[in-house]
C-alpha atoms as a PDB file:
ATOM      1  CA  MET A   1      -2.846 -20.415  -1.782  1.00  0.00           C
ATOM      2  CA  VAL A   2      -1.309 -17.150  -3.107  1.00  0.00           C
ATOM      3  CA  LEU A   3      -2.759 -14.184  -1.867  1.00  0.00           C
ATOM      4  CA  LEU A   4      -3.039 -10.426  -3.471  1.00  0.00           C
ATOM      5  CA  HIS A   5      -0.177  -8.279  -1.978  1.00  0.00           C
ATOM      6  CA  HIS A   6      -2.063  -5.760   0.598  1.00  0.00           C
ATOM      7  CA  ASN A   7      -0.367  -2.301  -0.904  1.00  0.00           C
ATOM      8  CA  THR A   8      -2.746  -0.950  -3.635  1.00  0.00           C
ATOM      9  CA  LEU A   9      -1.137   0.648  -6.947  1.00  0.00           C
ATOM     10  CA  ASP A  10      -2.692   4.307  -6.337  1.00  0.00           C
ATOM     11  CA  THR A  11      -0.940   4.591  -3.321  1.00  0.00           C
ATOM     12  CA  LEU A  12       2.159   5.138  -5.733  1.00  0.00           C
ATOM     13  CA  CYS A  13       1.508   8.302  -7.032  1.00  0.00           C
ATOM     14  CA  ALA A  14       1.222  10.405  -4.137  1.00  0.00           C
ATOM     15  CA  ALA A  15       4.516   8.987  -2.914  1.00  0.00           C
ATOM     16  CA  LEU A  16       5.908  10.215  -5.759  1.00  0.00           C
ATOM     17  CA  ALA A  17       4.760  13.440  -5.246  1.00  0.00           C
ATOM     18  CA  TYR A  18       6.004  13.607  -1.702  1.00  0.00           C
ATOM     19  CA  ALA A  19       9.432  12.229  -3.070  1.00  0.00           C
ATOM     20  CA  MET A  20       9.694  15.886  -5.235  1.00  0.00           C
ATOM     21  CA  ASN A  21       8.218  17.573  -2.567  1.00  0.00           C
ATOM     22  CA  ILE A  22       5.639  18.898  -4.675  1.00  0.00           C
ATOM     23  CA  THR A  23       1.400  18.563  -3.783  1.00  0.00           C
ATOM     24  CA  PRO A  24       0.128  15.776  -5.346  1.00  0.00           C
ATOM     25  CA  PRO A  25      -2.607  15.082  -7.964  1.00  0.00           C
ATOM     26  CA  GLU A  26      -5.845  15.962  -6.408  1.00  0.00           C
ATOM     27  CA  TYR A  27      -7.755  12.295  -6.701  1.00  0.00           C
ATOM     28  CA  ALA A  28      -4.675  10.632  -5.408  1.00  0.00           C
ATOM     29  CA  ALA A  29      -4.957   7.874  -2.613  1.00  0.00           C
ATOM     30  CA  SER A  30      -2.447   8.160   0.554  1.00  0.00           C
ATOM     31  CA  PRO A  31       0.924   7.630  -0.518  1.00  0.00           C
ATOM     32  CA  SER A  32       3.109   4.111   0.008  1.00  0.00           C
ATOM     33  CA  GLU A  33       4.643   4.561   3.690  1.00  0.00           C
ATOM     34  CA  GLU A  34       7.383   2.224   2.273  1.00  0.00           C
ATOM     35  CA  LEU A  35       8.162   4.541  -0.555  1.00  0.00           C
ATOM     36  CA  ILE A  36       7.981   7.725   1.842  1.00  0.00           C
ATOM     37  CA  HIS A  37      10.592   6.226   4.259  1.00  0.00           C
ATOM     38  CA  LEU A  38      12.994   5.230   1.428  1.00  0.00           C
ATOM     39  CA  VAL A  39      12.453   8.754   0.429  1.00  0.00           C
ATOM     40  CA  ASP A  40      13.034  10.453   4.098  1.00  0.00           C
ATOM     41  CA  THR A  41      15.925   8.014   5.037  1.00  0.00           C
ATOM     42  CA  ALA A  42      17.997   9.069   1.544  1.00  0.00           C
ATOM     43  CA  PHE A  43      17.527  12.654   1.170  1.00  0.00           C
ATOM     44  CA  GLY A  44      16.046  13.684   4.533  1.00  0.00           C
ATOM     45  CA  VAL A  45      13.957  17.463   4.544  1.00  0.00           C
ATOM     46  CA  LYS A  46      15.805  17.944   0.718  1.00  0.00           C
ATOM     47  CA  ARG A  47      13.779  15.420  -1.105  1.00  0.00           C
ATOM     48  CA  ALA A  48      14.726  14.693  -4.638  1.00  0.00           C
ATOM     49  CA  ASP A  49      14.744  16.814  -7.156  1.00  0.00           C
ATOM     50  CA  ARG A  50      15.014  14.401  -9.957  1.00  0.00           C
ATOM     51  CA  LEU A  51      12.831  11.111 -11.396  1.00  0.00           C
ATOM     52  CA  PHE A  52      13.660   8.444 -13.301  1.00  0.00           C
ATOM     53  CA  MET A  53      10.609   6.247 -13.979  1.00  0.00           C
ATOM     54  CA  TYR A  54      11.266   2.964 -15.958  1.00  0.00           C
ATOM     55  CA  ASN A  55       7.900   1.171 -16.784  1.00  0.00           C
ATOM     56  CA  PRO A  56       8.102  -1.848 -18.125  1.00  0.00           C
ATOM     57  CA  ASP A  57       4.808  -3.728 -19.133  1.00  0.00           C
ATOM     58  CA  ALA A  58       3.373  -7.478 -17.535  1.00  0.00           C
ATOM     59  CA  ILE A  59       6.051  -8.311 -15.522  1.00  0.00           C
ATOM     60  CA  ALA A  60       4.384 -10.154 -13.095  1.00  0.00           C
ATOM     61  CA  THR A  61       5.648 -10.575  -9.378  1.00  0.00           C
ATOM     62  CA  TRP A  62       5.320 -14.635  -9.949  1.00  0.00           C
ATOM     63  CA  ILE A  63       8.008 -14.310 -12.574  1.00  0.00           C
ATOM     64  CA  ILE A  64      10.122 -12.029 -10.587  1.00  0.00           C
ATOM     65  CA  GLU A  65      10.428 -14.959  -7.783  1.00  0.00           C
ATOM     66  CA  LYS A  66      10.400 -17.899 -10.298  1.00  0.00           C
ATOM     67  CA  TYR A  67      13.071 -15.771 -12.120  1.00  0.00           C
ATOM     68  CA  SER A  68      15.053 -14.360  -9.433  1.00  0.00           C
ATOM     69  CA  ASP A  69      18.254 -13.948 -10.701  1.00  0.00           C
ATOM     70  CA  PHE A  70      16.842 -12.062 -13.952  1.00  0.00           C
ATOM     71  CA  PHE A  71      16.619  -9.261 -11.658  1.00  0.00           C
ATOM     72  CA  ASP A  72      20.113  -9.127 -10.049  1.00  0.00           C
ATOM     73  CA  ALA A  73      21.115  -6.344 -11.616  1.00  0.00           C
ATOM     74  CA  VAL A  74      17.980  -4.305 -10.760  1.00  0.00           C
ATOM     75  CA  ARG A  75      18.396  -5.041  -6.996  1.00  0.00           C
ATOM     76  CA  ALA A  76      22.089  -4.192  -7.547  1.00  0.00           C
ATOM     77  CA  THR A  77      21.042  -0.102  -8.177  1.00  0.00           C
ATOM     78  CA  THR A  78      17.804  -0.023  -5.997  1.00  0.00           C
ATOM     79  CA  THR A  79      16.819  -0.862  -2.205  1.00  0.00           C
ATOM     80  CA  LEU A  80      13.165  -1.212  -2.346  1.00  0.00           C
ATOM     81  CA  GLU A  81      11.171  -3.703  -3.216  1.00  0.00           C
ATOM     82  CA  LEU A  82       7.532  -2.599  -3.179  1.00  0.00           C
ATOM     83  CA  PRO A  83       4.670  -5.091  -3.722  1.00  0.00           C
ATOM     84  CA  PHE A  84       1.314  -3.663  -5.275  1.00  0.00           C
ATOM     85  CA  CYS A  85      -1.972  -4.768  -5.881  1.00  0.00           C
ATOM     86  CA  THR A  86      -2.210  -3.229  -9.284  1.00  0.00           C
ATOM     87  CA  VAL A  87      -6.140  -2.276 -10.172  1.00  0.00           C
ATOM     88  CA  MET A  88      -8.712  -4.036 -12.472  1.00  0.00           C
ATOM     89  CA  PRO A  89      -9.102  -4.455 -15.039  1.00  0.00           C
ATOM     90  CA  SER A  90      -5.706  -5.498 -15.237  1.00  0.00           C
ATOM     91  CA  VAL A  91      -4.891  -4.365 -18.903  1.00  0.00           C
ATOM     92  CA  THR A  92      -2.313  -1.698 -19.675  1.00  0.00           C
ATOM     93  CA  PRO A  93      -3.875   1.887 -20.009  1.00  0.00           C
ATOM     94  CA  VAL A  94      -6.012   1.134 -16.858  1.00  0.00           C
ATOM     95  CA  CYS A  95      -3.303   0.308 -14.578  1.00  0.00           C
ATOM     96  CA  PHE A  96      -1.136   2.920 -15.621  1.00  0.00           C
ATOM     97  CA  GLY A  97      -3.803   5.399 -15.398  1.00  0.00           C
ATOM     98  CA  THR A  98      -3.692   4.887 -11.959  1.00  0.00           C
ATOM     99  CA  MET A  99      -0.032   4.764 -11.701  1.00  0.00           C
ATOM    100  CA  TYR A 100       0.053   8.407 -12.469  1.00  0.00           C
ATOM    101  CA  THR A 101      -3.014   9.733 -11.042  1.00  0.00           C
ATOM    102  CA  GLY A 102      -3.346   7.671  -7.616  1.00  0.00           C
ATOM    103  CA  ALA A 103      -6.779   7.636  -8.890  1.00  0.00           C
ATOM    104  CA  GLN A 104      -8.972   4.274  -9.050  1.00  0.00           C
ATOM    105  CA  PRO A 105     -10.172   3.679 -12.583  1.00  0.00           C
ATOM    106  CA  ALA A 106     -13.983   4.605 -12.098  1.00  0.00           C
ATOM    107  CA  VAL A 107     -12.141   8.240 -11.051  1.00  0.00           C
ATOM    108  CA  HIS A 108      -9.167   8.400 -13.746  1.00  0.00           C
ATOM    109  CA  GLY A 109     -12.008   7.474 -16.907  1.00  0.00           C
ATOM    110  CA  ILE A 110     -10.456   4.499 -18.308  1.00  0.00           C
ATOM    111  CA  THR A 111     -12.150   1.061 -17.198  1.00  0.00           C
ATOM    112  CA  ARG A 112     -11.494  -1.070 -20.043  1.00  0.00           C
ATOM    113  CA  TYR A 113      -8.764  -1.716 -22.618  1.00  0.00           C
ATOM    114  CA  ALA A 114      -9.066   2.339 -24.385  1.00  0.00           C
ATOM    115  CA  LYS A 115      -6.778   5.004 -24.768  1.00  0.00           C
ATOM    116  CA  PRO A 116      -8.513   7.990 -24.215  1.00  0.00           C
ATOM    117  CA  VAL A 117      -6.879  11.225 -22.815  1.00  0.00           C
ATOM    118  CA  ILE A 118      -6.676  11.626 -19.030  1.00  0.00           C
ATOM    119  CA  LYS A 119      -8.352  14.383 -17.892  1.00  0.00           C
ATOM    120  CA  ILE A 120      -8.377  14.481 -14.248  1.00  0.00           C
ATOM    121  CA  ASP A 121      -5.346  15.896 -12.612  1.00  0.00           C
ATOM    122  CA  THR A 122      -1.938  13.546 -12.603  1.00  0.00           C
ATOM    123  CA  LEU A 123       1.502  13.635 -11.676  1.00  0.00           C
ATOM    124  CA  PHE A 124       2.921  15.219 -14.962  1.00  0.00           C
ATOM    125  CA  ASP A 125       0.400  18.087 -14.058  1.00  0.00           C
ATOM    126  CA  ALA A 126       1.483  18.192 -10.590  1.00  0.00           C
ATOM    127  CA  MET A 127       4.712  17.926 -11.500  1.00  0.00           C
ATOM    128  CA  ILE A 128       4.701  20.898 -14.660  1.00  0.00           C
ATOM    129  CA  ARG A 129       2.125  23.554 -11.925  1.00  0.00           C
ATOM    130  CA  ALA A 130       5.860  23.230  -9.658  1.00  0.00           C
ATOM    131  CA  GLY A 131       7.615  24.129 -12.764  1.00  0.00           C
ATOM    132  CA  LYS A 132       9.289  21.153 -13.131  1.00  0.00           C
ATOM    133  CA  ALA A 133       9.973  19.429 -16.708  1.00  0.00           C
ATOM    134  CA  CYS A 134       8.948  16.287 -17.518  1.00  0.00           C
ATOM    135  CA  THR A 135       9.135  13.957 -20.902  1.00  0.00           C
ATOM    136  CA  ILE A 136       7.603  10.456 -21.824  1.00  0.00           C
ATOM    137  CA  ILE A 137       9.480   8.164 -24.232  1.00  0.00           C
ATOM    138  CA  ALA A 138       7.312   5.662 -25.561  1.00  0.00           C
ATOM    139  CA  ASP A 139       6.132   3.732 -28.468  1.00  0.00           C
ATOM    140  CA  ARG A 140       3.013   6.096 -29.976  1.00  0.00           C
ATOM    141  CA  GLU A 141       0.602   3.629 -29.775  1.00  0.00           C
ATOM    142  CA  CYS A 142       0.931   2.679 -26.493  1.00  0.00           C
ATOM    143  CA  SER A 143      -1.204   3.323 -23.558  1.00  0.00           C
ATOM    144  CA  MET A 144       1.658   5.864 -22.112  1.00  0.00           C
ATOM    145  CA  GLY A 145       1.955   7.550 -25.703  1.00  0.00           C
ATOM    146  CA  LYS A 146      -1.849   8.330 -25.571  1.00  0.00           C
ATOM    147  CA  ILE A 147      -3.587   8.715 -21.888  1.00  0.00           C
ATOM    148  CA  TYR A 148      -0.774  11.368 -20.705  1.00  0.00           C
ATOM    149  CA  LEU A 149      -1.013  13.693 -24.131  1.00  0.00           C
ATOM    150  CA  GLU A 150      -1.858  17.373 -24.057  1.00  0.00           C
ATOM    151  CA  ARG A 151      -0.049  18.344 -21.213  1.00  0.00           C
ATOM    152  CA  GLU A 152       2.489  20.684 -21.345  1.00  0.00           C
ATOM    153  CA  MET A 153       5.719  18.427 -21.770  1.00  0.00           C
ATOM    154  CA  ASP A 154       7.757  16.782 -23.921  1.00  0.00           C
ATOM    155  CA  TYR A 155       6.745  13.647 -26.173  1.00  0.00           C
ATOM    156  CA  TYR A 156       9.300  11.864 -27.834  1.00  0.00           C
ATOM    157  CA  TYR A 157       8.174   8.511 -30.258  1.00  0.00           C
ATOM    158  CA  PHE A 158       9.676   5.995 -31.503  1.00  0.00           C
ATOM    159  CA  ASP A 159       8.903   2.847 -32.927  1.00  0.00           C
ATOM    160  CA  THR A 160      11.378   0.245 -31.284  1.00  0.00           C
ATOM    161  CA  CYS A 161      12.732  -0.328 -27.991  1.00  0.00           C
ATOM    162  CA  ALA A 162      16.179  -0.022 -28.902  1.00  0.00           C
ATOM    163  CA  GLU A 163      15.355   3.963 -30.186  1.00  0.00           C
ATOM    164  CA  ILE A 164      13.451   4.659 -27.070  1.00  0.00           C
ATOM    165  CA  ASN A 165      16.425   3.369 -24.764  1.00  0.00           C
ATOM    166  CA  ALA A 166      18.708   5.591 -26.729  1.00  0.00           C
ATOM    167  CA  LYS A 167      17.130   8.442 -26.457  1.00  0.00           C
ATOM    168  CA  ALA A 168      16.137   7.878 -22.825  1.00  0.00           C
ATOM    169  CA  ALA A 169      19.940   8.028 -22.487  1.00  0.00           C
ATOM    170  CA  GLN A 170      21.104  10.780 -24.432  1.00  0.00           C
ATOM    171  CA  LEU A 171      18.399  12.842 -22.127  1.00  0.00           C
ATOM    172  CA  ILE A 172      20.034  11.460 -18.659  1.00  0.00           C
ATOM    173  CA  LEU A 173      23.301  13.004 -20.377  1.00  0.00           C
ATOM    174  CA  GLU A 174      21.673  15.975 -21.297  1.00  0.00           C
ATOM    175  CA  ASP A 175      20.311  16.420 -17.526  1.00  0.00           C
ATOM    176  CA  ARG A 176      17.546  19.256 -18.726  1.00  0.00           C
ATOM    177  CA  TYR A 177      14.571  17.265 -16.953  1.00  0.00           C
ATOM    178  CA  ASP A 178      12.821  17.081 -13.601  1.00  0.00           C
ATOM    179  CA  PHE A 179      10.712  13.389 -14.692  1.00  0.00           C
ATOM    180  CA  ILE A 180      11.593  11.000 -17.029  1.00  0.00           C
ATOM    181  CA  ALA A 181       9.086   8.457 -18.003  1.00  0.00           C
ATOM    182  CA  VAL A 182      10.184   5.619 -20.180  1.00  0.00           C
ATOM    183  CA  TYR A 183       7.767   2.961 -21.456  1.00  0.00           C
ATOM    184  CA  ASN A 184       8.866  -0.370 -23.052  1.00  0.00           C
ATOM    185  CA  GLY A 185       6.245  -2.960 -23.920  1.00  0.00           C
ATOM    186  CA  ASN A 186       8.707  -5.763 -25.819  1.00  0.00           C
ATOM    187  CA  TYR A 187       8.323  -8.251 -23.366  1.00  0.00           C
ATOM    188  CA  ASP A 188       4.039  -7.987 -22.861  1.00  0.00           C
ATOM    189  CA  SER A 189       4.172  -8.357 -26.616  1.00  0.00           C
ATOM    190  CA  THR A 190       6.034 -11.067 -26.979  1.00  0.00           C
ATOM    191  CA  MET A 191       4.662 -12.907 -24.373  1.00  0.00           C
ATOM    192  CA  HIS A 192       1.182 -12.847 -25.427  1.00  0.00           C
ATOM    193  CA  LYS A 193       2.310 -14.398 -28.446  1.00  0.00           C
ATOM    194  CA  ASN A 194       4.683 -17.103 -26.449  1.00  0.00           C
ATOM    195  CA  GLY A 195       3.953 -17.452 -23.243  1.00  0.00           C
ATOM    196  CA  PRO A 196       5.406 -15.389 -19.907  1.00  0.00           C
ATOM    197  CA  GLU A 197       7.980 -18.270 -19.874  1.00  0.00           C
ATOM    198  CA  ALA A 198       8.940 -18.773 -23.177  1.00  0.00           C
ATOM    199  CA  PRO A 199      12.693 -18.607 -23.847  1.00  0.00           C
ATOM    200  CA  ILE A 200      11.937 -15.175 -26.423  1.00  0.00           C
ATOM    201  CA  SER A 201       9.966 -13.593 -23.626  1.00  0.00           C
ATOM    202  CA  LEU A 202      12.457 -14.417 -20.788  1.00  0.00           C
ATOM    203  CA  GLY A 203      15.426 -12.488 -23.245  1.00  0.00           C
ATOM    204  CA  LYS A 204      12.630  -9.679 -23.767  1.00  0.00           C
ATOM    205  CA  LEU A 205      12.762  -9.798 -19.569  1.00  0.00           C
ATOM    206  CA  SER A 206      16.426 -10.121 -19.645  1.00  0.00           C
ATOM    207  CA  ALA A 207      16.427  -6.616 -21.680  1.00  0.00           C
ATOM    208  CA  ASN A 208      14.281  -5.028 -19.363  1.00  0.00           C
ATOM    209  CA  THR A 209      16.414  -5.780 -16.611  1.00  0.00           C
ATOM    210  CA  GLU A 210      19.571  -4.873 -18.502  1.00  0.00           C
ATOM    211  CA  ALA A 211      18.379  -1.499 -19.600  1.00  0.00           C
ATOM    212  CA  PHE A 212      16.926  -0.305 -16.370  1.00  0.00           C
ATOM    213  CA  ALA A 213      20.735  -1.268 -14.657  1.00  0.00           C
ATOM    214  CA  THR A 214      22.105   0.759 -17.605  1.00  0.00           C
ATOM    215  CA  PHE A 215      19.965   3.784 -17.181  1.00  0.00           C
ATOM    216  CA  ALA A 216      21.135   3.802 -13.304  1.00  0.00           C
ATOM    217  CA  ALA A 217      24.365   4.083 -14.048  1.00  0.00           C
ATOM    218  CA  LEU A 218      24.218   6.988 -16.877  1.00  0.00           C
ATOM    219  CA  ILE A 219      22.115   8.897 -13.808  1.00  0.00           C
ATOM    220  CA  ARG A 220      24.471   7.981 -11.101  1.00  0.00           C
ATOM    221  CA  GLU A 221      27.404   9.366 -13.043  1.00  0.00           C
ATOM    222  CA  HIS A 222      25.604  12.374 -14.910  1.00  0.00           C
ATOM    223  CA  TRP A 223      23.123  13.252 -12.293  1.00  0.00           C
ATOM    224  CA  SER A 224      25.451  13.232  -9.229  1.00  0.00           C
ATOM    225  CA  MET A 225      24.385  16.827  -8.368  1.00  0.00           C
ATOM    226  CA  HIS A 226      20.772  15.709  -7.401  1.00  0.00           C
ATOM    227  CA  ASN A 227      18.807  13.801  -5.151  1.00  0.00           C
ATOM    228  CA  THR A 228      17.612  11.187  -7.649  1.00  0.00           C
ATOM    229  CA  LEU A 229      14.335   8.794  -7.281  1.00  0.00           C
ATOM    230  CA  ILE A 230      14.785   5.656  -9.823  1.00  0.00           C
ATOM    231  CA  GLY A 231      11.652   3.306 -10.109  1.00  0.00           C
ATOM    232  CA  PHE A 232      11.140   0.148 -12.486  1.00  0.00           C
ATOM    233  CA  ALA A 233       7.890  -0.141 -12.411  1.00  0.00           C
ATOM    234  CA  MET A 234       5.694  -2.439 -14.383  1.00  0.00           C
ATOM    235  CA  ASP A 235       1.704  -1.976 -14.732  1.00  0.00           C
ATOM    236  CA  HIS A 236       0.259  -5.267 -14.160  1.00  0.00           C
ATOM    237  CA  GLY A 237       1.089  -9.250 -14.430  1.00  0.00           C
ATOM    238  CA  CYS A 238       0.493 -11.490 -16.727  1.00  0.00           C
ATOM    239  CA  HIS A 239      -0.279 -15.694 -17.293  1.00  0.00           C
ATOM    240  CA  GLU A 240       0.074 -18.632 -19.480  1.00  0.00           C
ATOM    241  CA  ILE A 241      -2.852 -19.590 -21.291  1.00  0.00           C
ATOM    242  CA  ASP A 242      -4.361 -22.616 -23.635  1.00  0.00           C
ATOM    243  CA  GLY A 243      -1.875 -22.432 -26.783  1.00  0.00           C
ATOM    244  CA  ASN A 244       1.286 -21.563 -25.233  1.00  0.00           C
ATOM    245  CA  CYS A 245      -0.070 -18.057 -25.322  1.00  0.00           C
ATOM    246  CA  GLY A 246       0.100 -15.308 -22.632  1.00  0.00           C
ATOM    247  CA  SER A 247      -2.660 -12.690 -21.502  1.00  0.00           C
ATOM    248  CA  HIS A 248      -3.800 -10.327 -18.519  1.00  0.00           C
ATOM    249  CA  GLY A 249      -6.471  -8.679 -17.545  1.00  0.00           C
ATOM    250  CA  LEU A 250      -8.267 -10.926 -15.202  1.00  0.00           C
ATOM    251  CA  ASP A 251      -9.230 -11.011 -11.303  1.00  0.00           C
ATOM    252  CA  MET A 252      -6.246 -12.990 -10.112  1.00  0.00           C
ATOM    253  CA  PRO A 253      -3.332 -13.289  -8.269  1.00  0.00           C
ATOM    254  CA  GLU A 254      -0.991 -13.793 -11.583  1.00  0.00           C
ATOM    255  CA  ASP A 255      -2.412 -10.695 -12.947  1.00  0.00           C
ATOM    256  CA  LEU A 256      -2.625  -8.379  -9.949  1.00  0.00           C
ATOM    257  CA  ASN A 257       0.426  -8.618  -7.785  1.00  0.00           C
ATOM    258  CA  ILE A 258       3.166  -7.077  -9.451  1.00  0.00           C
ATOM    259  CA  THR A 259       6.495  -5.630  -7.583  1.00  0.00           C
ATOM    260  CA  HIS A 260       8.489  -2.321  -7.942  1.00  0.00           C
ATOM    261  CA  PHE A 261      12.211  -1.777  -7.406  1.00  0.00           C
ATOM    262  CA  TYR A 262      12.990   1.938  -6.229  1.00  0.00           C
ATOM    263  CA  GLY A 263      16.761   3.229  -5.677  1.00  0.00           C
ATOM    264  CA  ALA A 264      17.459   6.606  -3.754  1.00  0.00           C
ATOM    265  CA  TYR A 265      20.593   8.286  -4.922  1.00  0.00           C
ATOM    266  CA  ALA A 266      21.611  11.092  -2.827  1.00  0.00           C
ATOM    267  CA  ALA A 267      23.621  14.184  -4.430  1.00  0.00           C
ATOM    268  CA  LYS A 268      27.205  13.991  -3.820  1.00  0.00           C
ATOM    269  CA  ASP A 269      28.535  16.430  -1.201  1.00  0.00           C
ATOM    270  CA  THR A 270      31.159  18.587  -3.349  1.00  0.00           C
ATOM    271  CA  SER A 271      31.306  21.348  -0.282  1.00  0.00           C
ATOM    272  CA  HIS A 272      35.055  20.572   0.542  1.00  0.00           C
ATOM    273  CA  VAL A 273      36.118  20.786  -2.963  1.00  0.00           C
END
């Protein structure tokens, strides 16, 4: 019998706020103790001053377990595998709404597949209040491209994952944002049409892990003066349905169980230089 992960996704947001040494959003649940421990161990009282979140879509825990080798590059750049049970319904705007507010769907206001702008307090608002520069890089029509609009931050929209990734790399090199969130929906869109384990879907899965590894390498080199927290953080899982297609949204472990990966890079000590 497959059980649900005991950590709930609403515990992530306050932990990210803790990592950045800011007050969490108003409705955020208590923070993940595992992530707090990683931050304290890596940074101590200084915490992080950069946060990079890579948000792939629909990568389930069962996919990570079955195709473990695909995640070698992610594991090589992170130290914490953090299991979560996402929220219901397990669809993209609902889950990303909880990820960056720390609130349950009934509180943040998205309780079905719809993409209204979230009006309650979010991690982006908390960052902005603390004087931090934030940006989202995504497809204009995706949930992440819509539900966090109307904030004093920058939004970069592109039609392809290649363009999204190129912009993310550029912004890492420029080092002018405190918080970068990158969304890629290529695995989700492909698995819906072809199934979660189709070769073309696994190719998109691999593209996500390789992109994250590239970003991590750039961050280690070009953000070496910062304490940085990076995350490979999906919204929900997936399952196969009739016709060799894929789906999600149900109250079942395949859709609800997800596993995030986090890495903490301490700033290089240059006092002796």
